[in-house]
C-alpha atoms as a PDB file:
ATOM      1  CA  MET A   1      18.818 -10.774  21.122  1.00  0.00           C
ATOM      2  CA  TRP A   2      15.538  -9.030  21.971  1.00  0.00           C
ATOM      3  CA  ALA A   3      13.833  -9.653  18.627  1.00  0.00           C
ATOM      4  CA  GLY A   4      10.425 -11.296  18.881  1.00  0.00           C
ATOM      5  CA  LEU A   5      10.307 -11.322  22.688  1.00  0.00           C
ATOM      6  CA  GLY A   6       8.146  -8.237  23.107  1.00  0.00           C
ATOM      7  CA  TYR A   7      10.524  -6.544  25.539  1.00  0.00           C
ATOM      8  CA  TYR A   8      11.598  -3.717  23.231  1.00  0.00           C
ATOM      9  CA  ARG A   9      10.452  -0.936  25.543  1.00  0.00           C
ATOM     10  CA  ARG A  10      12.251  -2.501  28.490  1.00  0.00           C
ATOM     11  CA  ALA A  11      15.447  -2.912  26.510  1.00  0.00           C
ATOM     12  CA  ARG A  12      15.363   0.725  25.428  1.00  0.00           C
ATOM     13  CA  PHE A  13      14.716   1.922  28.994  1.00  0.00           C
ATOM     14  CA  LEU A  14      17.519  -0.312  30.278  1.00  0.00           C
ATOM     15  CA  LEU A  15      19.990   1.437  27.992  1.00  0.00           C
ATOM     16  CA  GLU A  16      18.626   4.915  28.744  1.00  0.00           C
ATOM     17  CA  GLY A  17      18.668   4.249  32.488  1.00  0.00           C
ATOM     18  CA  ALA A  18      22.245   2.966  32.364  1.00  0.00           C
ATOM     19  CA  LYS A  19      23.361   6.091  30.495  1.00  0.00           C
ATOM     20  CA  GLN A  20      21.563   8.275  33.027  1.00  0.00           C
ATOM     21  CA  ILE A  21      23.354   6.617  35.953  1.00  0.00           C
ATOM     22  CA  VAL A  22      26.735   6.793  34.217  1.00  0.00           C
ATOM     23  CA  GLU A  23      26.268  10.503  33.524  1.00  0.00           C
ATOM     24  CA  LYS A  24      25.556  11.187  37.203  1.00  0.00           C
ATOM     25  CA  GLY A  25      28.469   9.002  38.257  1.00  0.00           C
ATOM     26  CA  GLU A  26      26.652   7.456  41.213  1.00  0.00           C
ATOM     27  CA  PHE A  27      24.171   4.611  41.594  1.00  0.00           C
ATOM     28  CA  PRO A  28      20.997   5.689  43.476  1.00  0.00           C
ATOM     29  CA  ARG A  29      20.665   4.088  46.906  1.00  0.00           C
ATOM     30  CA  THR A  30      17.073   4.943  47.865  1.00  0.00           C
ATOM     31  CA  ALA A  31      13.725   3.994  46.353  1.00  0.00           C
ATOM     32  CA  SER A  32      12.808   7.628  45.704  1.00  0.00           C
ATOM     33  CA  ALA A  33      16.099   8.278  43.889  1.00  0.00           C
ATOM     34  CA  LEU A  34      15.827   5.033  41.922  1.00  0.00           C
ATOM     35  CA  ARG A  35      12.387   6.020  40.652  1.00  0.00           C
ATOM     36  CA  GLU A  36      14.027   8.988  38.931  1.00  0.00           C
ATOM     37  CA  VAL A  37      15.946   6.599  36.668  1.00  0.00           C
ATOM     38  CA  ARG A  38      14.375   5.959  33.270  1.00  0.00           C
ATOM     39  CA  GLY A  39      12.531   2.628  33.242  1.00  0.00           C
ATOM     40  CA  ILE A  40      12.544   2.041  37.013  1.00  0.00           C
ATOM     41  CA  GLY A  41       9.118   1.941  38.648  1.00  0.00           C
ATOM     42  CA  ASP A  42       7.883   1.321  42.178  1.00  0.00           C
ATOM     43  CA  TYR A  43       8.516  -2.433  42.118  1.00  0.00           C
ATOM     44  CA  THR A  44      12.097  -2.303  40.821  1.00  0.00           C
ATOM     45  CA  ALA A  45      12.934   0.680  43.026  1.00  0.00           C
ATOM     46  CA  GLY A  46      11.636  -1.095  46.129  1.00  0.00           C
ATOM     47  CA  ALA A  47      13.414  -4.337  45.288  1.00  0.00           C
ATOM     48  CA  ILE A  48      16.803  -2.703  44.700  1.00  0.00           C
ATOM     49  CA  ALA A  49      16.557  -0.331  47.664  1.00  0.00           C
ATOM     50  CA  SER A  50      15.511  -3.003  50.166  1.00  0.00           C
ATOM     51  CA  ILE A  51      17.636  -5.923  48.962  1.00  0.00           C
ATOM     52  CA  ALA A  52      20.803  -4.068  47.967  1.00  0.00           C
ATOM     53  CA  PHE A  53      20.746  -1.109  50.373  1.00  0.00           C
ATOM     54  CA  ASN A  54      18.585  -2.353  53.270  1.00  0.00           C
ATOM     55  CA  GLU A  55      16.051   0.471  52.979  1.00  0.00           C
ATOM     56  CA  VAL A  56      12.780  -0.260  54.774  1.00  0.00           C
ATOM     57  CA  VAL A  57      10.432  -0.081  51.784  1.00  0.00           C
ATOM     58  CA  PRO A  58       7.898  -2.595  50.423  1.00  0.00           C
ATOM     59  CA  VAL A  59       7.888  -4.537  47.170  1.00  0.00           C
ATOM     60  CA  VAL A  60       4.567  -5.427  45.561  1.00  0.00           C
ATOM     61  CA  ASP A  61       4.300  -7.766  42.573  1.00  0.00           C
ATOM     62  CA  GLY A  62       1.578 -10.200  41.517  1.00  0.00           C
ATOM     63  CA  ASN A  63       2.671 -12.779  44.068  1.00  0.00           C
ATOM     64  CA  VAL A  64       2.618 -10.259  46.917  1.00  0.00           C
ATOM     65  CA  VAL A  65      -0.813  -9.036  45.793  1.00  0.00           C
ATOM     66  CA  ARG A  66      -2.103 -12.593  46.136  1.00  0.00           C
ATOM     67  CA  VAL A  67      -0.662 -13.000  49.648  1.00  0.00           C
ATOM     68  CA  ILE A  68      -1.949  -9.628  50.878  1.00  0.00           C
ATOM     69  CA  SER A  69      -5.388 -10.159  49.278  1.00  0.00           C
ATOM     70  CA  ARG A  70      -5.779 -13.402  51.223  1.00  0.00           C
ATOM     71  CA  LEU A  71      -4.236 -12.212  54.479  1.00  0.00           C
ATOM     72  CA  TYR A  72      -6.712  -9.321  54.633  1.00  0.00           C
ATOM     73  CA  ALA A  73      -9.529 -10.899  52.544  1.00  0.00           C
ATOM     74  CA  ILE A  74      -9.614  -7.924  50.195  1.00  0.00           C
ATOM     75  CA  PRO A  75     -12.547  -8.344  47.759  1.00  0.00           C
ATOM     76  CA  ASP A  76     -11.821  -5.266  45.642  1.00  0.00           C
ATOM     77  CA  ASN A  77     -10.621  -5.149  42.048  1.00  0.00           C
ATOM     78  CA  PRO A  78      -6.831  -5.614  42.342  1.00  0.00           C
ATOM     79  CA  LYS A  79      -6.289  -3.538  39.203  1.00  0.00           C
ATOM     80  CA  GLU A  80      -7.950  -0.363  40.486  1.00  0.00           C
ATOM     81  CA  SER A  81      -5.553   2.360  41.575  1.00  0.00           C
ATOM     82  CA  SER A  82      -7.115   2.702  45.027  1.00  0.00           C
ATOM     83  CA  THR A  83      -6.704  -1.037  45.651  1.00  0.00           C
ATOM     84  CA  VAL A  84      -3.128  -1.023  44.370  1.00  0.00           C
ATOM     85  CA  LYS A  85      -2.367   1.859  46.722  1.00  0.00           C
ATOM     86  CA  ARG A  86      -3.823  -0.162  49.586  1.00  0.00           C
ATOM     87  CA  PHE A  87      -1.623  -3.165  48.737  1.00  0.00           C
ATOM     88  CA  TRP A  88       1.469  -0.979  48.946  1.00  0.00           C
ATOM     89  CA  GLN A  89       0.323   0.569  52.217  1.00  0.00           C
ATOM     90  CA  LEU A  90      -0.445  -2.769  53.901  1.00  0.00           C
ATOM     91  CA  THR A  91       2.771  -4.379  52.676  1.00  0.00           C
ATOM     92  CA  GLY A  92       4.735  -1.367  53.885  1.00  0.00           C
ATOM     93  CA  GLU A  93       3.285  -1.806  57.364  1.00  0.00           C
ATOM     94  CA  LEU A  94       4.499  -5.417  57.454  1.00  0.00           C
ATOM     95  CA  VAL A  95       8.094  -4.912  56.270  1.00  0.00           C
ATOM     96  CA  ASP A  96      10.649  -6.088  58.833  1.00  0.00           C
ATOM     97  CA  PRO A  97      12.723  -2.975  59.674  1.00  0.00           C
ATOM     98  CA  SER A  98      15.799  -5.042  60.475  1.00  0.00           C
ATOM     99  CA  ARG A  99      15.734  -7.238  57.336  1.00  0.00           C
ATOM    100  CA  PRO A 100      13.585  -5.520  54.695  1.00  0.00           C
ATOM    101  CA  GLY A 101      15.262  -7.230  51.745  1.00  0.00           C
ATOM    102  CA  ASP A 102      14.819 -10.709  53.187  1.00  0.00           C
ATOM    103  CA  PHE A 103      11.202  -9.933  54.069  1.00  0.00           C
ATOM    104  CA  ASN A 104      10.357  -8.739  50.564  1.00  0.00           C
ATOM    105  CA  GLN A 105      11.991 -11.754  48.955  1.00  0.00           C
ATOM    106  CA  ALA A 106      10.153 -14.061  51.372  1.00  0.00           C
ATOM    107  CA  MET A 107       6.799 -12.472  50.519  1.00  0.00           C
ATOM    108  CA  MET A 108       7.384 -12.892  46.802  1.00  0.00           C
ATOM    109  CA  GLU A 109       8.545 -16.474  47.302  1.00  0.00           C
ATOM    110  CA  LEU A 110       5.538 -17.293  49.475  1.00  0.00           C
ATOM    111  CA  GLY A 111       3.183 -16.082  46.755  1.00  0.00           C
ATOM    112  CA  ALA A 112       5.099 -17.965  44.073  1.00  0.00           C
ATOM    113  CA  THR A 113       5.111 -21.297  45.925  1.00  0.00           C
ATOM    114  CA  LEU A 114       2.711 -22.040  48.799  1.00  0.00           C
ATOM    115  CA  CYS A 115       0.178 -19.271  48.223  1.00  0.00           C
ATOM    116  CA  SER A 116      -0.327 -20.205  44.587  1.00  0.00           C
ATOM    117  CA  LYS A 117      -3.144 -19.064  42.349  1.00  0.00           C
ATOM    118  CA  THR A 118      -5.236 -22.248  42.177  1.00  0.00           C
ATOM    119  CA  LYS A 119      -3.811 -24.722  44.713  1.00  0.00           C
ATOM    120  CA  PRO A 120      -2.624 -22.882  47.834  1.00  0.00           C
ATOM    121  CA  GLY A 121      -0.787 -25.007  50.407  1.00  0.00           C
ATOM    122  CA  CYS A 122      -2.570 -23.529  53.409  1.00  0.00           C
ATOM    123  CA  SER A 123      -1.627 -26.409  55.735  1.00  0.00           C
ATOM    124  CA  GLN A 124       2.062 -25.596  55.246  1.00  0.00           C
ATOM    125  CA  CYS A 125       1.768 -21.816  55.145  1.00  0.00           C
ATOM    126  CA  PRO A 126       3.723 -20.038  57.926  1.00  0.00           C
ATOM    127  CA  VAL A 127       1.143 -17.238  58.141  1.00  0.00           C
ATOM    128  CA  SER A 128      -2.047 -19.303  57.791  1.00  0.00           C
ATOM    129  CA  SER A 129      -3.121 -18.422  61.338  1.00  0.00           C
ATOM    130  CA  HIS A 130      -3.318 -14.764  60.260  1.00  0.00           C
ATOM    131  CA  CYS A 131      -5.065 -15.421  56.931  1.00  0.00           C
ATOM    132  CA  GLN A 132      -8.556 -13.941  56.887  1.00  0.00           C
ATOM    133  CA  ALA A 133      -9.422 -15.649  53.599  1.00  0.00           C
ATOM    134  CA  LEU A 134      -8.647 -19.048  55.146  1.00  0.00           C
ATOM    135  CA  THR A 135     -10.722 -18.165  58.215  1.00  0.00           C
ATOM    136  CA  LEU A 136     -13.703 -17.210  56.045  1.00  0.00           C
ATOM    137  CA  SER A 137     -13.391 -20.390  53.985  1.00  0.00           C
ATOM    138  CA  ASN A 138     -13.430 -22.485  57.179  1.00  0.00           C
ATOM    139  CA  GLN A 139     -16.576 -20.702  58.325  1.00  0.00           C
ATOM    140  CA  SER A 140     -18.520 -20.995  55.069  1.00  0.00           C
ATOM    141  CA  ALA A 141     -18.453 -23.564  52.284  1.00  0.00           C
ATOM    142  CA  SER A 142     -19.391 -20.833  49.794  1.00  0.00           C
ATOM    143  CA  VAL A 143     -16.094 -19.034  50.356  1.00  0.00           C
ATOM    144  CA  LYS A 144     -12.762 -20.290  49.023  1.00  0.00           C
ATOM    145  CA  VAL A 145      -9.264 -19.017  49.605  1.00  0.00           C
ATOM    146  CA  THR A 146      -8.859 -18.869  45.827  1.00  0.00           C
ATOM    147  CA  ASP A 147     -11.658 -16.284  45.671  1.00  0.00           C
ATOM    148  CA  TYR A 148      -8.888 -13.848  46.580  1.00  0.00           C
ATOM    149  CA  PRO A 149      -7.639 -11.839  44.849  1.00  0.00           C
ATOM    150  CA  ARG A 150     -10.742 -11.129  42.835  1.00  0.00           C
ATOM    151  CA  VAL A 151     -10.486 -12.327  39.245  1.00  0.00           C
ATOM    152  CA  VAL A 152     -11.105  -9.494  36.800  1.00  0.00           C
ATOM    153  CA  PRO A 153     -12.151 -10.507  33.255  1.00  0.00           C
ATOM    154  CA  LYS A 154      -9.623  -9.445  30.652  1.00  0.00           C
ATOM    155  CA  ALA A 155     -10.753  -6.727  28.301  1.00  0.00           C
ATOM    156  CA  LYS A 156     -11.342  -7.956  24.767  1.00  0.00           C
ATOM    157  CA  PRO A 157      -8.510  -6.795  22.474  1.00  0.00           C
ATOM    158  CA  ARG A 158      -9.592  -4.060  20.118  1.00  0.00           C
ATOM    159  CA  SER A 159      -9.370  -4.758  16.404  1.00  0.00           C
ATOM    160  CA  ASP A 160      -7.045  -2.578  14.332  1.00  0.00           C
ATOM    161  CA  PHE A 161      -6.314  -2.809  10.618  1.00  0.00           C
ATOM    162  CA  ALA A 162      -3.191  -1.646   8.825  1.00  0.00           C
ATOM    163  CA  ALA A 163      -2.018  -1.454   5.232  1.00  0.00           C
ATOM    164  CA  VAL A 164       1.611  -2.590   5.125  1.00  0.00           C
ATOM    165  CA  CYS A 165       3.622  -1.792   2.025  1.00  0.00           C
ATOM    166  CA  VAL A 166       6.866  -3.732   1.695  1.00  0.00           C
ATOM    167  CA  VAL A 167       8.960  -1.527  -0.568  1.00  0.00           C
ATOM    168  CA  GLN A 168      11.855  -3.162  -2.367  1.00  0.00           C
ATOM    169  CA  ILE A 169      14.351  -1.085  -4.309  1.00  0.00           C
ATOM    170  CA  ALA A 170      15.450  -3.230  -7.235  1.00  0.00           C
ATOM    171  CA  GLN A 171      18.472  -1.122  -8.111  1.00  0.00           C
ATOM    172  CA  CYS A 172      20.565   0.934  -5.726  1.00  0.00           C
ATOM    173  CA  LEU A 173      24.117   0.436  -6.833  1.00  0.00           C
ATOM    174  CA  ASP A 174      26.181   2.678  -4.565  1.00  0.00           C
ATOM    175  CA  GLU A 175      28.410   0.453  -2.424  1.00  0.00           C
ATOM    176  CA  GLY A 176      28.585   3.021   0.376  1.00  0.00           C
ATOM    177  CA  ILE A 177      25.135   2.202   1.683  1.00  0.00           C
ATOM    178  CA  ALA A 178      25.028   1.169   5.328  1.00  0.00           C
ATOM    179  CA  GLY A 179      23.773  -2.318   5.967  1.00  0.00           C
ATOM    180  CA  SER A 180      24.588  -3.469   2.453  1.00  0.00           C
ATOM    181  CA  THR A 181      26.356  -6.761   1.882  1.00  0.00           C
ATOM    182  CA  GLY A 182      26.734  -6.372  -1.846  1.00  0.00           C
ATOM    183  CA  ASN A 183      23.131  -7.166  -2.769  1.00  0.00           C
ATOM    184  CA  ASP A 184      21.525  -4.414  -4.821  1.00  0.00           C
ATOM    185  CA  ASN A 185      17.973  -5.308  -3.692  1.00  0.00           C
ATOM    186  CA  LEU A 186      17.153  -3.020  -0.775  1.00  0.00           C
ATOM    187  CA  PHE A 187      14.124  -2.772   1.486  1.00  0.00           C
ATOM    188  CA  LEU A 188      12.794   0.463   2.906  1.00  0.00           C
ATOM    189  CA  LEU A 189      12.301   0.546   6.677  1.00  0.00           C
ATOM    190  CA  ILE A 190      10.549   3.302   8.599  1.00  0.00           C
ATOM    191  CA  LYS A 191      11.174   4.131  12.253  1.00  0.00           C
ATOM    192  CA  ARG A 192       8.086   4.183  14.451  1.00  0.00           C
ATOM    193  CA  PRO A 193       7.394   7.193  16.709  1.00  0.00           C
ATOM    194  CA  GLU A 194       9.278   7.290  20.007  1.00  0.00           C
ATOM    195  CA  ASP A 195       6.032   6.955  21.967  1.00  0.00           C
ATOM    196  CA  GLY A 196       3.281   4.360  21.859  1.00  0.00           C
ATOM    197  CA  LEU A 197       3.154   0.788  20.611  1.00  0.00           C
ATOM    198  CA  LEU A 198       6.558  -0.638  19.554  1.00  0.00           C
ATOM    199  CA  ALA A 199       8.072   2.804  20.086  1.00  0.00           C
ATOM    200  CA  GLY A 200      11.255   3.571  18.180  1.00  0.00           C
ATOM    201  CA  LEU A 201      11.400   0.253  16.330  1.00  0.00           C
ATOM    202  CA  TRP A 202      11.967  -0.236  12.604  1.00  0.00           C
ATOM    203  CA  GLU A 203       9.281  -1.684  10.348  1.00  0.00           C
ATOM    204  CA  PHE A 204       8.018  -1.721   6.798  1.00  0.00           C
ATOM    205  CA  PRO A 205       5.961   1.355   5.879  1.00  0.00           C
ATOM    206  CA  SER A 206       2.431   1.030   7.196  1.00  0.00           C
ATOM    207  CA  VAL A 207      -0.648   3.086   7.873  1.00  0.00           C
ATOM    208  CA  LEU A 208      -3.795   2.319   9.858  1.00  0.00           C
ATOM    209  CA  VAL A 209      -6.980   1.879   7.826  1.00  0.00           C
ATOM    210  CA  SER A 210     -10.473   2.350   9.141  1.00  0.00           C
ATOM    211  CA  GLU A 211     -11.886  -1.138   8.775  1.00  0.00           C
ATOM    212  CA  GLU A 212     -11.316  -4.690   7.610  1.00  0.00           C
ATOM    213  CA  LYS A 213     -13.423  -4.293   4.466  1.00  0.00           C
ATOM    214  CA  THR A 214     -11.376  -1.385   3.117  1.00  0.00           C
ATOM    215  CA  ASP A 215     -10.683  -2.356  -0.481  1.00  0.00           C
ATOM    216  CA  ALA A 216      -7.238  -2.651  -2.002  1.00  0.00           C
ATOM    217  CA  LEU A 217      -7.576   0.582  -3.996  1.00  0.00           C
ATOM    218  CA  ASN A 218      -8.257   2.672  -0.905  1.00  0.00           C
ATOM    219  CA  ARG A 219      -5.452   0.928   0.962  1.00  0.00           C
ATOM    220  CA  ARG A 220      -3.094   1.866  -1.841  1.00  0.00           C
ATOM    221  CA  LYS A 221      -4.231   5.469  -1.614  1.00  0.00           C
ATOM    222  CA  ARG A 222      -3.430   5.388   2.086  1.00  0.00           C
ATOM    223  CA  ASP A 223      -0.063   3.797   1.301  1.00  0.00           C
ATOM    224  CA  GLY A 224       0.687   6.853  -0.777  1.00  0.00           C
ATOM    225  CA  GLN A 225       0.622   8.960   2.381  1.00  0.00           C
ATOM    226  CA  ILE A 226       3.687   7.078   3.611  1.00  0.00           C
ATOM    227  CA  PHE A 227       6.060   8.158   0.877  1.00  0.00           C
ATOM    228  CA  GLU A 228       7.509  11.558   0.316  1.00  0.00           C
ATOM    229  CA  ALA A 229       7.219  13.082  -3.143  1.00  0.00           C
ATOM    230  CA  ASP A 230      10.982  12.604  -3.540  1.00  0.00           C
ATOM    231  CA  VAL A 231      10.611   8.822  -3.457  1.00  0.00           C
ATOM    232  CA  LYS A 232       7.901   8.852  -6.104  1.00  0.00           C
ATOM    233  CA  ARG A 233       9.790  11.279  -8.352  1.00  0.00           C
ATOM    234  CA  ARG A 234      13.022   9.281  -8.311  1.00  0.00           C
ATOM    235  CA  SER A 235      11.553   5.835  -8.968  1.00  0.00           C
ATOM    236  CA  SER A 236       9.220   3.852 -11.187  1.00  0.00           C
ATOM    237  CA  VAL A 237       7.035   0.913 -10.164  1.00  0.00           C
ATOM    238  CA  ILE A 238       8.060  -2.501 -11.502  1.00  0.00           C
ATOM    239  CA  LEU A 239       5.552  -4.552  -9.525  1.00  0.00           C
ATOM    240  CA  ARG A 240       2.770  -3.749  -7.100  1.00  0.00           C
ATOM    241  CA  GLU A 241       0.655  -6.580  -5.778  1.00  0.00           C
ATOM    242  CA  ASP A 242      -1.348  -7.558  -2.710  1.00  0.00           C
ATOM    243  CA  ILE A 243       0.133 -10.738  -1.271  1.00  0.00           C
ATOM    244  CA  GLY A 244      -2.213 -11.514   1.612  1.00  0.00           C
ATOM    245  CA  GLN A 245      -2.801 -10.629   5.214  1.00  0.00           C
ATOM    246  CA  HIS A 246      -1.368 -11.501   8.600  1.00  0.00           C
ATOM    247  CA  VAL A 247      -3.046 -11.247  12.010  1.00  0.00           C
ATOM    248  CA  HIS A 248      -0.777 -10.332  14.909  1.00  0.00           C
ATOM    249  CA  ILE A 249      -2.055 -10.445  18.488  1.00  0.00           C
ATOM    250  CA  PHE A 250      -0.773  -7.995  21.081  1.00  0.00           C
ATOM    251  CA  SER A 251      -1.971  -8.080  24.685  1.00  0.00           C
ATOM    252  CA  HIS A 252      -4.619  -5.438  23.960  1.00  0.00           C
ATOM    253  CA  ILE A 253      -4.783  -5.246  20.155  1.00  0.00           C
ATOM    254  CA  ARG A 254      -5.701  -7.667  17.386  1.00  0.00           C
ATOM    255  CA  LEU A 255      -3.894  -6.187  14.387  1.00  0.00           C
ATOM    256  CA  THR A 256      -4.770  -7.365  10.887  1.00  0.00           C
ATOM    257  CA  MET A 257      -2.078  -6.364   8.401  1.00  0.00           C
ATOM    258  CA  PHE A 258      -2.953  -6.225   4.692  1.00  0.00           C
ATOM    259  CA  VAL A 259       0.390  -6.780   3.001  1.00  0.00           C
ATOM    260  CA  GLU A 260       1.371  -5.336  -0.352  1.00  0.00           C
ATOM    261  CA  LEU A 261       4.683  -5.751  -2.158  1.00  0.00           C
ATOM    262  CA  MET A 262       5.935  -2.825  -4.212  1.00  0.00           C
ATOM    263  CA  ILE A 263       9.149  -3.178  -6.204  1.00  0.00           C
ATOM    264  CA  LEU A 264      10.656   0.085  -7.400  1.00  0.00           C
ATOM    265  CA  ASN A 265      13.332   0.790  -9.967  1.00  0.00           C
ATOM    266  CA  LEU A 266      15.306   3.938  -9.234  1.00  0.00           C
ATOM    267  CA  LYS A 267      15.804   6.515 -11.950  1.00  0.00           C
ATOM    268  CA  ASP A 268      19.098   8.198 -12.825  1.00  0.00           C
ATOM    269  CA  ASP A 269      19.344  10.175  -9.587  1.00  0.00           C
ATOM    270  CA  GLY A 270      17.893   7.372  -7.474  1.00  0.00           C
ATOM    271  CA  ASP A 271      21.156   6.350  -5.848  1.00  0.00           C
ATOM    272  CA  GLU A 272      21.209   9.728  -4.116  1.00  0.00           C
ATOM    273  CA  LEU A 273      17.922   8.792  -2.477  1.00  0.00           C
ATOM    274  CA  CYS A 274      19.453   5.637  -1.015  1.00  0.00           C
ATOM    275  CA  MET A 275      22.399   7.595   0.323  1.00  0.00           C
ATOM    276  CA  GLU A 276      20.140  10.255   1.814  1.00  0.00           C
ATOM    277  CA  GLY A 277      18.254   7.489   3.592  1.00  0.00           C
ATOM    278  CA  GLN A 278      21.396   6.506   5.466  1.00  0.00           C
ATOM    279  CA  ASP A 279      21.581   9.991   6.994  1.00  0.00           C
ATOM    280  CA  SER A 280      17.927  10.003   8.021  1.00  0.00           C
ATOM    281  CA  SER A 281      16.752   9.152  11.516  1.00  0.00           C
ATOM    282  CA  LYS A 282      13.347   8.069  10.220  1.00  0.00           C
ATOM    283  CA  LEU A 283      14.010   5.847   7.213  1.00  0.00           C
ATOM    284  CA  ARG A 284      16.643   3.331   6.242  1.00  0.00           C
ATOM    285  CA  PHE A 285      17.487   1.162   3.230  1.00  0.00           C
ATOM    286  CA  ILE A 286      18.612  -2.349   4.193  1.00  0.00           C
ATOM    287  CA  ASP A 287      19.539  -5.151   1.802  1.00  0.00           C
ATOM    288  CA  GLU A 288      17.751  -8.471   2.080  1.00  0.00           C
ATOM    289  CA  ASN A 289      20.724 -10.227   3.665  1.00  0.00           C
ATOM    290  CA  ALA A 290      20.815  -7.624   6.439  1.00  0.00           C
ATOM    291  CA  VAL A 291      17.043  -7.882   6.929  1.00  0.00           C
ATOM    292  CA  GLU A 292      17.491 -11.564   7.771  1.00  0.00           C
ATOM    293  CA  SER A 293      19.758 -10.739  10.706  1.00  0.00           C
ATOM    294  CA  MET A 294      18.102  -7.512  11.822  1.00  0.00           C
ATOM    295  CA  GLY A 295      16.156  -7.390  15.078  1.00  0.00           C
ATOM    296  CA  LEU A 296      12.652  -6.988  13.678  1.00  0.00           C
ATOM    297  CA  THR A 297       9.483  -7.614  15.665  1.00  0.00           C
ATOM    298  CA  SER A 298       7.919 -11.034  15.236  1.00  0.00           C
ATOM    299  CA  GLY A 299       4.970  -9.526  13.350  1.00  0.00           C
ATOM    300  CA  ILE A 300       7.165  -7.690  10.847  1.00  0.00           C
ATOM    301  CA  ARG A 301       9.389 -10.732  10.436  1.00  0.00           C
ATOM    302  CA  LYS A 302       6.330 -12.798   9.489  1.00  0.00           C
ATOM    303  CA  VAL A 303       5.375 -10.151   6.950  1.00  0.00           C
ATOM    304  CA  TYR A 304       8.879 -10.388   5.485  1.00  0.00           C
ATOM    305  CA  ASN A 305       8.545 -14.177   5.310  1.00  0.00           C
ATOM    306  CA  MET A 306       5.266 -13.689   3.428  1.00  0.00           C
ATOM    307  CA  VAL A 307       7.150 -11.579   0.894  1.00  0.00           C
ATOM    308  CA  LYS A 308       9.877 -14.198   0.525  1.00  0.00           C
ATOM    309  CA  THR A 309       7.310 -16.957  -0.001  1.00  0.00           C
ATOM    310  CA  PHE A 310       5.437 -14.872  -2.572  1.00  0.00           C
ATOM    311  CA  LYS A 311       8.622 -14.067  -4.514  1.00  0.00           C
ATOM    312  CA  GLU A 312       9.769 -17.694  -4.471  1.00  0.00           C
ATOM    313  CA  LYS A 313       6.374 -18.837  -5.731  1.00  0.00           C
ATOM    314  CA  ARG A 314       6.313 -16.185  -8.456  1.00  0.00           C
ATOM    315  CA  LEU A 315       9.851 -17.071  -9.551  1.00  0.00           C
ATOM    316  CA  LYS A 316       8.929 -20.748  -9.725  1.00  0.00           C
ATOM    317  CA  GLU A 317       5.879 -19.946 -11.852  1.00  0.00           C
ATOM    318  CA  GLN A 318       7.954 -17.825 -14.215  1.00  0.00           C
ATOM    319  CA  ARG A 319      10.459 -20.643 -14.672  1.00  0.00           C
ATOM    320  CA  GLN A 320       7.680 -23.109 -15.468  1.00  0.00           C
ATOM    321  CA  VAL A 321       6.068 -21.027 -18.212  1.00  0.00           C
ATOM    322  CA  PRO A 322       8.657 -21.776 -20.961  1.00  0.00           C
ATOM    323  CA  THR A 323       8.511 -25.493 -20.108  1.00  0.00           C
ATOM    324  CA  ARG A 324       4.742 -25.554 -20.588  1.00  0.00           C
ATOM    325  CA  LYS A 325       5.028 -23.794 -23.920  1.00  0.00           C
ATOM    326  CA  ARG A 326       7.617 -26.281 -25.133  1.00  0.00           C
ATOM    327  CA  SER A 327       5.442 -29.221 -24.102  1.00  0.00           C
ATOM    328  CA  ARG A 328       2.545 -27.820 -26.129  1.00  0.00           C
ATOM    329  CA  ARG A 329       4.746 -27.500 -29.178  1.00  0.00           C
ATOM    330  CA  LEU A 330       5.896 -31.081 -28.767  1.00  0.00           C
ATOM    331  CA  LYS A 331       2.325 -32.241 -28.830  1.00  0.00           C
END
């Protein structure tokens, strides 16, 4: 359900937080207690505490930042920690002690509707008489309400490069392998570290390379760092070929993936390797039918589609070769 949406970290925290609450046997009722739950930050804690439990605490999201920036004509960078702290302080001073939940929802709704980013409806705004940004704009043509909050240019995404090796096991015949639907072509998946980008998700083996111009030979040497000696000892390479590259854009990273397909044939004791993989928390062998339905990231799914396209093209070429030879003989 979450595949391709980019919410993997949130989904993991949602599960961890739910388990944490169940273990304690009581749902937290204050913002401070809610912040102790995995995945709950200031915004969620304030929203739950004020709306569900009537605690007098503020809620600050992007819409509230816009309203507060204009009410107080705050020219500072809204992303800086000192400015964020000020937003929370000012909003906290405004919260209605008798109806904190209604107040917080009204502030968010005001920012989402009338006090919009580019076309604020100041003539209809219930707090326009208190808006310092509107006052300044009426006093000077050089000032606009939409000058607040200050627009901060987005940082240019950094460029990263990775060698991705899609490893296919051409023969792994033990029927006891998890995730197998009877197809003896298995793909090796590696679990990412529990911290950082795409934490804890499964992907094809990959390793970062230093630059875009890194040649295929060096990328293959880096690929070798991925595999344990056991994998190399128990298999032989049937095919190893670069099949292209894919660029995936994250919010802060432009990742270029150089994709290589490696098809391995397991030796006599190779089936044991597949079975050992099922007991590992860091690697897994999944057959191609299961890969289709597995919750992979959108970037990894596109890499898999590249592999499918390459294999289909190669198979088509192989089928055409005998036909061409026969046509030559006929001539």
